[in-house]
Protein backbone atom coordinates (compact mmCIF):
# COMPACT_ATOMS: atom_id res chain seq x y z
CA MET A 1 -18.09 10.46 9.76
CA ALA A 2 -19.31 8.04 7.28
CA ARG A 3 -17.74 4.75 6.45
CA MET A 4 -15.84 4.90 3.04
CA HIS A 5 -17.00 1.48 1.50
CA THR A 6 -20.57 1.10 3.20
CA ARG A 7 -23.75 2.90 3.67
CA ARG A 8 -23.69 3.10 7.39
CA ARG A 9 -22.40 5.86 9.57
CA GLY A 10 -19.39 5.90 11.57
CA SER A 11 -19.16 4.96 15.13
CA SER A 12 -18.46 7.95 17.41
CA ASN A 13 -15.81 7.42 19.77
CA SER A 14 -15.25 9.19 23.11
CA ASP A 15 -12.91 12.10 23.33
CA LYS A 16 -9.42 12.02 25.26
CA PRO A 17 -9.98 14.01 28.50
CA ALA A 18 -8.31 17.41 28.00
CA ALA A 19 -4.89 17.55 29.74
CA ASP A 20 -1.95 19.92 29.35
CA GLU A 21 0.56 18.27 31.49
CA PRO A 22 0.98 14.47 32.36
CA PRO A 23 -0.51 13.46 35.85
CA GLU A 24 1.72 13.76 38.95
CA TRP A 25 1.78 10.10 39.38
CA SER A 26 3.75 9.57 36.11
CA ASP A 27 6.93 11.64 36.58
CA VAL A 28 9.05 9.68 34.39
CA ASP A 29 12.14 11.52 32.75
CA GLU A 30 11.76 12.54 29.07
CA ASP A 31 15.14 11.02 27.90
CA ALA A 32 14.13 7.72 29.75
CA ILE A 33 10.82 7.75 27.89
CA GLU A 34 12.51 8.50 24.46
CA GLU A 35 15.02 5.62 25.09
CA ARG A 36 12.16 3.18 25.73
CA VAL A 37 10.46 4.27 22.68
CA VAL A 38 13.62 3.72 20.43
CA GLU A 39 14.39 0.25 22.35
CA LEU A 40 10.81 -0.89 21.41
CA ALA A 41 10.97 0.16 17.88
CA GLU A 42 14.29 -1.60 17.45
CA GLN A 43 12.33 -4.80 18.96
CA GLY A 44 10.06 -4.55 15.96
CA HIS A 45 6.81 -2.75 17.42
CA SER A 46 4.93 -0.60 15.50
CA PRO A 47 4.40 3.13 17.00
CA SER A 48 0.76 2.20 18.10
CA GLU A 49 2.04 -0.87 19.96
CA ILE A 50 4.72 1.35 21.56
CA GLY A 51 2.22 3.59 22.94
CA LEU A 52 0.11 0.67 24.29
CA LYS A 53 3.27 -0.99 25.90
CA LEU A 54 4.35 2.39 27.46
CA ARG A 55 0.66 2.85 28.91
CA ASP A 56 0.62 -0.71 30.18
CA GLU A 57 4.35 -1.35 31.17
CA GLY A 58 5.72 1.92 31.37
CA VAL A 59 9.20 2.89 31.97
CA GLN A 60 11.15 1.81 34.93
CA GLY A 61 7.73 0.26 36.24
CA THR A 62 6.18 3.59 36.03
CA PRO A 63 3.14 3.91 33.46
CA VAL A 64 3.34 6.76 30.97
CA PRO A 65 -0.62 7.54 29.87
CA ASP A 66 0.38 9.94 27.08
CA VAL A 67 3.78 10.18 25.43
CA SER A 68 3.22 13.48 23.66
CA LEU A 69 2.17 15.11 27.23
CA ALA A 70 5.20 13.64 28.92
CA THR A 71 7.75 14.68 26.20
CA GLY A 72 6.17 17.24 23.96
CA LYS A 73 6.73 14.93 21.00
CA LYS A 74 4.50 12.31 19.31
CA ILE A 75 6.11 8.62 18.97
CA SER A 76 6.57 8.95 15.52
CA GLU A 77 8.46 12.20 15.74
CA ILE A 78 10.73 10.37 18.57
CA LEU A 79 11.33 7.68 16.00
CA GLU A 80 12.11 10.05 13.28
CA GLU A 81 14.61 12.08 15.24
CA ASN A 82 16.57 8.77 16.22
CA ASP A 83 16.32 7.12 12.63
CA ALA A 84 14.26 4.35 13.81
CA ASP A 85 11.16 4.98 11.97
CA PRO A 86 9.59 2.11 10.10
CA ASP A 87 10.19 1.97 6.03
CA LEU A 88 6.53 1.87 5.62
CA PRO A 89 3.78 3.98 7.31
CA GLU A 90 2.09 2.00 9.75
CA ASP A 91 -1.65 2.57 8.33
CA LEU A 92 -0.38 1.34 4.79
CA ARG A 93 1.42 -1.56 6.49
CA ASN A 94 -1.76 -2.60 8.03
CA LEU A 95 -3.78 -2.48 4.83
CA MET A 96 -1.18 -4.35 2.97
CA GLU A 97 -1.20 -7.15 5.65
CA GLN A 98 -4.81 -7.28 5.29
CA ALA A 99 -4.81 -7.38 1.51
CA VAL A 100 -2.40 -10.08 1.70
CA ARG A 101 -4.26 -12.29 4.07
CA LEU A 102 -7.45 -11.63 1.70
CA ARG A 103 -5.79 -12.55 -1.29
CA GLU A 104 -4.38 -15.82 0.33
CA HIS A 105 -8.09 -16.61 1.34
CA MET A 106 -9.11 -15.94 -2.23
CA ASP A 107 -6.76 -18.13 -3.78
CA GLU A 108 -8.08 -21.11 -1.30
CA ASN A 109 -11.81 -20.17 -1.68
CA PRO A 110 -12.46 -18.70 -5.20
CA ASN A 111 -16.05 -18.37 -4.76
CA ASP A 112 -16.13 -16.26 -1.80
CA HIS A 113 -17.52 -13.11 -3.34
CA GLN A 114 -17.91 -11.30 -0.03
CA ASN A 115 -14.48 -11.51 0.54
CA LYS A 116 -13.44 -10.46 -3.13
CA ARG A 117 -15.15 -7.48 -2.49
CA ALA A 118 -13.44 -6.68 0.70
CA LEU A 119 -10.08 -7.33 -1.23
CA GLN A 120 -11.09 -4.96 -3.95
CA ASN A 121 -12.13 -2.26 -1.24
CA THR A 122 -8.68 -2.73 0.57
CA GLN A 123 -6.69 -2.40 -2.36
CA SER A 124 -8.74 0.66 -3.20
CA LYS A 125 -7.61 1.94 0.35
CA ILE A 126 -4.08 1.09 -0.40
CA ARG A 127 -3.85 2.88 -3.62
CA ARG A 128 -5.43 5.95 -2.20
CA LEU A 129 -2.97 5.92 0.54
CA ALA A 130 -0.11 5.53 -1.66
CA ASP A 131 -0.93 8.55 -3.36
CA TYR A 132 -1.04 10.62 -0.30
CA TYR A 133 2.33 9.20 0.89
CA ARG A 134 4.11 9.11 -2.61
CA GLY A 135 7.06 11.33 -2.55
CA ASP A 136 7.16 12.15 1.22
CA GLU A 137 7.42 8.46 2.86
CA LEU A 138 7.20 6.42 -0.25
CA ASP A 139 9.36 6.39 -3.53
CA GLU A 140 7.96 8.54 -6.35
CA ASP A 141 7.83 5.19 -8.75
CA PHE A 142 6.03 3.16 -5.87
CA THR A 143 2.93 1.25 -7.10
CA TYR A 144 0.98 -1.49 -5.16
CA SER A 145 0.66 -4.79 -6.32
CA TYR A 146 0.21 -7.98 -4.65
CA ASP A 147 3.87 -9.11 -5.32
CA ASN A 148 5.32 -5.86 -4.12
CA ALA A 149 3.27 -6.05 -0.95
CA VAL A 150 4.65 -9.51 0.12
CA GLU A 151 8.08 -8.56 -0.80
CA LEU A 152 7.87 -5.16 1.55
CA LEU A 153 6.16 -6.98 4.27
CA GLU A 154 8.76 -9.84 4.68
C-alpha cells in the first residue's frame, strides 16, 4: 500500500506465521494472562506495549508469544471487558503526541519549513482519524486543536 503523504511506495513486512494454537512451551493460564494485561494497563502501558511486555517478560516467567492465540481475545478486548481501556485510541494518541512535539519544535524554529509540512500532514491524519472514531470512542463534538491535544495528553 502506498504512503499517504509521500510519492513512495509502502514498505512490505513479513507476515506472522500461521498458527491456530499457542506453542506448547507457553502454557500460561488464560486468567493469569488477562490479570497481567489489566495490571500492565493500570500501570499506564498502551496495548502495544502490553503485548511487547508479555512477549518479552511473560506471565510468571513464561513468555506469551501471542495473546489472541492464548486467550482467544485481543488485548484491547480484554481491556474493554475489565473497564481498563484508555480514554483515547492508541493510534490517535500517538499522532497527537507527535503533533505536540512538532508544534513545540516549530515554536522554537519558525523557519523549519520541512517540519512545518510534517506538522500539517500529522494534523491532517489526526482529523481523519478523529472523523473515524467520532461517536464510538470519541465524543460527537470532539474537534482537534493543539490546546485540546495538550490537555488530553496530560
